[in-house]
């Protein structure tokens, strides 16, 4: 059994909430493995360097992550009142989303399965001290 009233439990849960600015893209049509190649390149960098890396990265996921970082920067400036020059990519990760199953017809009446994978990409920014 939970201790206390429901509103008290909710207050405690919200007190532990992460207040860093973030942005999340759900159901992105890119596999986790391909998204992580791009995310590994920008992890720990300041936002201007990260945007420059993504601008010239030829991978498809880099355009998605670039928009995501721009959204997180806007959240930091408008909601948290942070300065853009002090922001850096504190966390970035991709979680597995649902997989769409498709059928590809093959020779002699056989059918091969095609799996179109999706992912949930999250970017969390933070301020340098």
N, C-alpha and C. Protein backbone atom coordinates (compact mmCIF):
# COMPACT_ATOMS: atom_id res chain seq x y z
N UNK A 1 0.83 -1.20 0.00
CA UNK A 1 0.00 0.00 0.00
C UNK A 1 0.87 1.26 0.00
N UNK A 2 0.39 2.26 -0.69
CA UNK A 2 1.11 3.52 -0.74
C UNK A 2 0.85 4.32 0.53
N UNK A 3 1.85 5.09 0.93
CA UNK A 3 1.72 5.91 2.13
C UNK A 3 1.12 7.26 1.75
N UNK A 4 0.16 7.72 2.54
CA UNK A 4 -0.38 9.05 2.35
C UNK A 4 -1.49 9.13 1.33
N UNK A 5 -1.99 10.33 1.18
CA UNK A 5 -3.07 10.62 0.25
C UNK A 5 -2.54 10.71 -1.18
N UNK A 6 -3.42 10.52 -2.15
CA UNK A 6 -3.00 10.53 -3.55
C UNK A 6 -2.34 11.85 -3.94
N UNK A 7 -2.89 12.97 -3.48
CA UNK A 7 -2.31 14.27 -3.82
C UNK A 7 -0.92 14.44 -3.20
N UNK A 8 -0.73 13.88 -2.01
CA UNK A 8 0.59 13.95 -1.37
C UNK A 8 1.61 13.14 -2.16
N UNK A 9 1.19 11.97 -2.64
CA UNK A 9 2.08 11.12 -3.44
C UNK A 9 2.46 11.84 -4.73
N UNK A 10 1.47 12.50 -5.36
CA UNK A 10 1.75 13.24 -6.59
C UNK A 10 2.70 14.41 -6.35
N UNK A 11 2.53 15.11 -5.21
CA UNK A 11 3.42 16.22 -4.89
C UNK A 11 4.85 15.74 -4.72
N UNK A 12 5.03 14.60 -4.05
CA UNK A 12 6.37 14.06 -3.86
C UNK A 12 7.00 13.63 -5.17
N UNK A 13 6.18 13.05 -6.06
CA UNK A 13 6.68 12.61 -7.35
C UNK A 13 7.10 13.81 -8.20
N UNK A 14 6.31 14.89 -8.17
CA UNK A 14 6.63 16.09 -8.95
C UNK A 14 7.84 16.82 -8.38
N UNK A 15 8.09 16.69 -7.07
CA UNK A 15 9.26 17.33 -6.47
C UNK A 15 10.55 16.69 -6.96
N UNK A 16 10.50 15.41 -7.32
CA UNK A 16 11.69 14.71 -7.80
C UNK A 16 11.87 14.84 -9.30
N UNK A 17 10.97 15.57 -9.97
CA UNK A 17 10.99 15.67 -11.43
C UNK A 17 12.23 16.42 -11.91
N UNK A 18 12.74 16.00 -13.07
CA UNK A 18 13.91 16.63 -13.67
C UNK A 18 13.50 17.97 -14.28
N UNK A 19 14.18 19.05 -13.89
CA UNK A 19 13.79 20.38 -14.36
C UNK A 19 14.65 20.86 -15.53
N UNK A 20 15.55 20.01 -16.02
CA UNK A 20 16.38 20.42 -17.15
C UNK A 20 15.53 20.48 -18.42
N UNK A 21 15.83 21.43 -19.33
CA UNK A 21 15.05 21.52 -20.57
C UNK A 21 15.33 20.32 -21.47
N UNK A 22 14.26 19.83 -22.09
CA UNK A 22 14.42 18.65 -22.94
C UNK A 22 13.42 18.70 -24.08
N UNK A 23 13.62 17.80 -25.03
CA UNK A 23 12.69 17.63 -26.14
C UNK A 23 12.69 16.16 -26.51
N UNK A 24 11.51 15.65 -26.90
CA UNK A 24 11.39 14.24 -27.22
C UNK A 24 10.66 14.08 -28.54
N UNK A 25 11.18 13.19 -29.38
CA UNK A 25 10.53 12.85 -30.64
C UNK A 25 10.09 11.40 -30.54
N UNK A 26 8.79 11.17 -30.59
CA UNK A 26 8.26 9.81 -30.49
C UNK A 26 7.95 9.26 -31.88
N UNK A 27 8.09 7.98 -32.03
CA UNK A 27 7.76 7.25 -33.26
C UNK A 27 8.54 7.76 -34.47
N UNK A 28 9.81 8.07 -34.29
CA UNK A 28 10.66 8.50 -35.41
C UNK A 28 10.93 7.29 -36.30
N UNK A 29 10.84 7.47 -37.61
CA UNK A 29 10.99 6.34 -38.53
C UNK A 29 12.46 6.08 -38.83
N UNK A 30 13.21 5.80 -37.78
CA UNK A 30 14.61 5.45 -37.91
C UNK A 30 14.90 4.45 -36.80
N UNK A 31 15.75 3.48 -37.07
CA UNK A 31 16.04 2.47 -36.06
C UNK A 31 16.91 3.08 -34.95
N UNK A 32 16.89 2.44 -33.79
CA UNK A 32 17.65 2.92 -32.64
C UNK A 32 19.14 2.93 -32.95
N UNK A 33 19.60 1.88 -33.61
CA UNK A 33 21.02 1.75 -33.92
C UNK A 33 21.50 2.91 -34.81
N UNK A 34 20.71 3.27 -35.82
CA UNK A 34 21.10 4.35 -36.72
C UNK A 34 21.00 5.72 -36.03
N UNK A 35 20.04 5.87 -35.14
CA UNK A 35 19.91 7.13 -34.41
C UNK A 35 21.07 7.31 -33.44
N UNK A 36 21.54 6.21 -32.84
CA UNK A 36 22.60 6.29 -31.84
C UNK A 36 23.93 6.71 -32.46
N UNK A 37 24.16 6.40 -33.74
CA UNK A 37 25.38 6.86 -34.40
C UNK A 37 25.45 8.39 -34.37
N UNK A 38 24.32 9.04 -34.61
CA UNK A 38 24.27 10.49 -34.63
C UNK A 38 24.34 11.04 -33.20
N UNK A 39 23.63 10.41 -32.27
CA UNK A 39 23.58 10.90 -30.89
C UNK A 39 24.94 10.80 -30.21
N UNK A 40 25.71 9.76 -30.54
CA UNK A 40 27.04 9.60 -29.95
C UNK A 40 27.98 10.73 -30.37
N UNK A 41 27.74 11.29 -31.56
CA UNK A 41 28.62 12.35 -32.08
C UNK A 41 28.42 13.68 -31.35
N UNK A 42 27.24 13.90 -30.75
CA UNK A 42 26.94 15.21 -30.16
C UNK A 42 26.87 15.18 -28.64
N UNK A 43 26.94 14.01 -28.02
CA UNK A 43 26.78 13.91 -26.57
C UNK A 43 27.90 14.67 -25.86
N UNK A 44 27.53 15.57 -24.94
CA UNK A 44 28.50 16.33 -24.16
C UNK A 44 28.98 17.61 -24.82
N UNK A 45 28.62 17.86 -26.07
CA UNK A 45 29.07 19.07 -26.78
C UNK A 45 28.14 20.25 -26.45
N UNK A 46 28.66 21.48 -26.62
CA UNK A 46 27.77 22.62 -26.46
C UNK A 46 26.85 22.70 -27.68
N UNK A 47 25.73 23.40 -27.54
CA UNK A 47 24.67 23.31 -28.55
C UNK A 47 25.09 23.86 -29.92
N UNK A 48 25.91 24.89 -29.96
CA UNK A 48 26.33 25.44 -31.25
C UNK A 48 27.23 24.45 -32.00
N UNK A 49 28.12 23.79 -31.27
CA UNK A 49 28.97 22.76 -31.89
C UNK A 49 28.13 21.58 -32.35
N UNK A 50 27.16 21.19 -31.53
CA UNK A 50 26.30 20.05 -31.88
C UNK A 50 25.50 20.36 -33.15
N UNK A 51 24.96 21.57 -33.24
CA UNK A 51 24.20 21.94 -34.45
C UNK A 51 25.09 21.97 -35.68
N UNK A 52 26.35 22.41 -35.52
CA UNK A 52 27.29 22.44 -36.65
C UNK A 52 27.62 21.01 -37.10
N UNK A 53 27.80 20.11 -36.14
CA UNK A 53 28.07 18.70 -36.49
C UNK A 53 26.90 18.11 -37.24
N UNK A 54 25.69 18.38 -36.76
CA UNK A 54 24.49 17.81 -37.39
C UNK A 54 24.22 18.41 -38.76
N UNK A 55 24.61 19.65 -38.96
CA UNK A 55 24.39 20.32 -40.24
C UNK A 55 25.09 19.58 -41.38
N UNK A 56 26.31 19.06 -41.10
CA UNK A 56 27.11 18.45 -42.16
C UNK A 56 27.21 16.93 -42.02
N UNK A 57 26.40 16.34 -41.17
CA UNK A 57 26.37 14.89 -41.04
C UNK A 57 25.42 14.34 -42.12
N UNK A 58 25.86 13.39 -42.95
CA UNK A 58 25.02 12.94 -44.05
C UNK A 58 23.89 11.98 -43.67
N UNK A 59 23.86 11.52 -42.45
CA UNK A 59 22.84 10.54 -42.05
C UNK A 59 21.45 11.17 -41.95
N UNK A 60 20.42 10.33 -42.20
CA UNK A 60 19.03 10.81 -42.16
C UNK A 60 18.64 11.26 -40.75
N UNK A 61 19.10 10.54 -39.73
CA UNK A 61 18.73 10.84 -38.34
C UNK A 61 19.26 12.20 -37.89
N UNK A 62 20.30 12.71 -38.55
CA UNK A 62 20.87 13.99 -38.12
C UNK A 62 19.89 15.14 -38.33
N UNK A 63 19.05 15.08 -39.36
CA UNK A 63 18.06 16.14 -39.57
C UNK A 63 17.00 16.10 -38.47
N UNK A 64 16.62 14.90 -38.04
CA UNK A 64 15.64 14.76 -36.96
C UNK A 64 16.20 15.29 -35.64
N UNK A 65 17.45 14.92 -35.34
CA UNK A 65 18.07 15.32 -34.08
C UNK A 65 18.33 16.82 -34.08
N UNK A 66 18.65 17.39 -35.24
CA UNK A 66 18.89 18.84 -35.34
C UNK A 66 17.63 19.62 -34.96
N UNK A 67 16.48 19.20 -35.48
CA UNK A 67 15.22 19.86 -35.13
C UNK A 67 14.91 19.68 -33.65
N UNK A 68 15.26 18.52 -33.12
CA UNK A 68 15.01 18.22 -31.72
C UNK A 68 15.84 19.11 -30.80
N UNK A 69 17.10 19.33 -31.16
CA UNK A 69 17.97 20.20 -30.35
C UNK A 69 17.49 21.65 -30.42
N UNK A 70 17.06 22.08 -31.61
CA UNK A 70 16.53 23.45 -31.74
C UNK A 70 15.29 23.63 -30.88
N UNK A 71 14.46 22.60 -30.79
CA UNK A 71 13.27 22.65 -29.94
C UNK A 71 13.65 22.71 -28.47
N UNK A 72 14.66 21.92 -28.07
CA UNK A 72 15.10 21.92 -26.68
C UNK A 72 15.72 23.28 -26.31
N UNK A 73 16.44 23.91 -27.25
CA UNK A 73 17.01 25.24 -27.01
C UNK A 73 15.89 26.25 -26.79
N UNK A 74 14.85 26.18 -27.62
CA UNK A 74 13.71 27.09 -27.47
C UNK A 74 13.01 26.86 -26.13
N UNK A 75 12.89 25.61 -25.71
CA UNK A 75 12.29 25.31 -24.40
C UNK A 75 13.13 25.91 -23.28
N UNK A 76 14.45 25.82 -23.41
CA UNK A 76 15.34 26.33 -22.36
C UNK A 76 15.24 27.85 -22.26
N UNK A 77 15.18 28.53 -23.40
CA UNK A 77 15.14 29.99 -23.39
C UNK A 77 13.79 30.52 -22.93
N UNK A 78 12.70 29.92 -23.43
CA UNK A 78 11.37 30.46 -23.15
C UNK A 78 10.80 29.98 -21.81
N UNK A 79 10.99 28.71 -21.48
CA UNK A 79 10.37 28.17 -20.26
C UNK A 79 11.26 28.31 -19.04
N UNK A 80 12.57 28.14 -19.21
CA UNK A 80 13.48 28.15 -18.06
C UNK A 80 14.31 29.42 -17.95
N UNK A 81 14.27 30.29 -18.98
CA UNK A 81 15.02 31.54 -18.94
C UNK A 81 16.52 31.35 -18.97
N UNK A 82 16.99 30.30 -19.63
CA UNK A 82 18.43 30.03 -19.69
C UNK A 82 19.06 30.76 -20.86
N UNK A 83 20.38 30.95 -20.78
CA UNK A 83 21.14 31.62 -21.83
C UNK A 83 21.66 30.58 -22.81
N UNK A 84 21.52 30.84 -24.10
CA UNK A 84 21.89 29.87 -25.13
C UNK A 84 23.38 29.55 -25.13
N UNK A 85 24.23 30.53 -24.79
CA UNK A 85 25.68 30.33 -24.83
C UNK A 85 26.16 29.32 -23.79
N UNK A 86 25.39 29.15 -22.71
CA UNK A 86 25.81 28.26 -21.62
C UNK A 86 25.26 26.85 -21.74
N UNK A 87 24.46 26.57 -22.77
CA UNK A 87 23.80 25.27 -22.88
C UNK A 87 24.70 24.22 -23.53
N UNK A 88 24.59 23.00 -23.06
CA UNK A 88 25.27 21.86 -23.69
C UNK A 88 24.36 20.64 -23.64
N UNK A 89 24.67 19.63 -24.43
CA UNK A 89 23.87 18.41 -24.50
C UNK A 89 24.27 17.51 -23.34
N UNK A 90 23.45 17.49 -22.30
CA UNK A 90 23.77 16.69 -21.11
C UNK A 90 23.47 15.21 -21.36
N UNK A 91 22.31 14.92 -21.93
CA UNK A 91 21.92 13.54 -22.22
C UNK A 91 21.27 13.50 -23.59
N UNK A 92 21.48 12.41 -24.29
CA UNK A 92 20.73 12.15 -25.51
C UNK A 92 20.71 10.63 -25.71
N UNK A 93 19.53 10.11 -25.94
CA UNK A 93 19.40 8.66 -26.09
C UNK A 93 18.20 8.33 -26.96
N UNK A 94 18.19 7.12 -27.48
CA UNK A 94 17.10 6.63 -28.31
C UNK A 94 16.59 5.32 -27.72
N UNK A 95 15.30 5.25 -27.52
CA UNK A 95 14.66 4.03 -27.04
C UNK A 95 13.88 3.39 -28.17
N UNK A 96 13.68 2.08 -28.06
CA UNK A 96 12.99 1.35 -29.11
C UNK A 96 11.50 1.67 -29.11
N UNK A 97 10.96 1.91 -30.29
CA UNK A 97 9.53 2.13 -30.45
C UNK A 97 8.89 0.90 -31.07
N UNK A 98 7.62 0.98 -31.41
CA UNK A 98 6.95 -0.17 -32.03
C UNK A 98 7.49 -0.45 -33.43
N UNK A 99 7.50 -1.70 -33.81
CA UNK A 99 7.98 -2.12 -35.12
C UNK A 99 6.80 -2.43 -36.02
N UNK A 100 6.79 -1.84 -37.22
CA UNK A 100 5.74 -2.13 -38.19
C UNK A 100 6.16 -3.35 -39.00
N UNK A 101 5.29 -4.35 -39.06
CA UNK A 101 5.61 -5.56 -39.82
C UNK A 101 4.96 -5.48 -41.20
N UNK A 102 5.76 -5.72 -42.22
CA UNK A 102 5.28 -5.71 -43.60
C UNK A 102 5.69 -7.02 -44.26
N UNK A 103 5.00 -7.38 -45.33
CA UNK A 103 5.27 -8.63 -46.05
C UNK A 103 5.80 -8.31 -47.44
N UNK A 104 6.89 -8.97 -47.81
CA UNK A 104 7.48 -8.81 -49.14
C UNK A 104 7.33 -10.14 -49.90
N UNK A 105 6.61 -10.15 -51.02
CA UNK A 105 6.45 -11.41 -51.75
C UNK A 105 7.75 -11.87 -52.40
N UNK A 106 8.01 -13.17 -52.31
CA UNK A 106 9.22 -13.76 -52.87
C UNK A 106 8.83 -14.89 -53.84
N UNK A 107 9.84 -15.55 -54.37
CA UNK A 107 9.62 -16.56 -55.40
C UNK A 107 8.86 -17.77 -54.82
N UNK A 108 8.13 -18.44 -55.68
CA UNK A 108 7.41 -19.68 -55.39
C UNK A 108 6.41 -19.53 -54.25
N UNK A 109 5.74 -18.36 -54.20
CA UNK A 109 4.67 -18.17 -53.23
C UNK A 109 5.12 -17.89 -51.81
N UNK A 110 6.40 -17.72 -51.60
CA UNK A 110 6.88 -17.45 -50.24
C UNK A 110 6.70 -15.96 -49.91
N UNK A 111 6.77 -15.65 -48.63
CA UNK A 111 6.66 -14.27 -48.19
C UNK A 111 7.73 -14.02 -47.14
N UNK A 112 8.49 -12.95 -47.33
CA UNK A 112 9.50 -12.55 -46.35
C UNK A 112 8.94 -11.38 -45.54
N UNK A 113 9.31 -11.34 -44.27
CA UNK A 113 8.86 -10.25 -43.41
C UNK A 113 9.86 -9.11 -43.46
N UNK A 114 9.32 -7.90 -43.59
CA UNK A 114 10.13 -6.69 -43.49
C UNK A 114 9.72 -5.98 -42.21
N UNK A 115 10.70 -5.61 -41.38
CA UNK A 115 10.42 -4.92 -40.13
C UNK A 115 10.86 -3.46 -40.25
N UNK A 116 9.89 -2.57 -40.18
CA UNK A 116 10.18 -1.13 -40.25
C UNK A 116 10.21 -0.63 -38.81
N UNK A 117 11.41 -0.37 -38.34
CA UNK A 117 11.60 -0.05 -36.92
C UNK A 117 11.41 1.45 -36.67
N UNK A 118 10.93 1.75 -35.48
CA UNK A 118 10.78 3.14 -35.05
C UNK A 118 11.52 3.32 -33.72
N UNK A 119 11.71 4.58 -33.33
CA UNK A 119 12.42 4.86 -32.09
C UNK A 119 11.87 6.14 -31.45
N UNK A 120 12.12 6.27 -30.17
CA UNK A 120 11.77 7.47 -29.41
C UNK A 120 13.09 8.14 -29.02
N UNK A 121 13.35 9.32 -29.58
CA UNK A 121 14.62 10.02 -29.37
C UNK A 121 14.41 11.15 -28.35
N UNK A 122 15.29 11.23 -27.36
CA UNK A 122 15.19 12.25 -26.30
C UNK A 122 16.51 13.00 -26.20
N UNK A 123 16.42 14.32 -26.10
CA UNK A 123 17.59 15.18 -25.91
C UNK A 123 17.36 16.03 -24.67
N UNK A 124 18.31 16.01 -23.74
CA UNK A 124 18.22 16.81 -22.51
C UNK A 124 19.42 17.76 -22.49
N UNK A 125 19.14 19.04 -22.29
CA UNK A 125 20.19 20.07 -22.22
C UNK A 125 20.42 20.46 -20.77
N UNK A 126 21.54 21.12 -20.52
CA UNK A 126 21.84 21.63 -19.19
C UNK A 126 22.76 22.83 -19.34
N UNK A 127 22.86 23.64 -18.28
CA UNK A 127 23.72 24.81 -18.30
C UNK A 127 25.07 24.51 -17.70
N UNK A 128 26.12 25.07 -18.31
CA UNK A 128 27.47 24.95 -17.73
C UNK A 128 27.59 25.92 -16.58
N UNK A 129 28.35 25.52 -15.56
CA UNK A 129 28.54 26.41 -14.41
C UNK A 129 29.53 27.50 -14.74
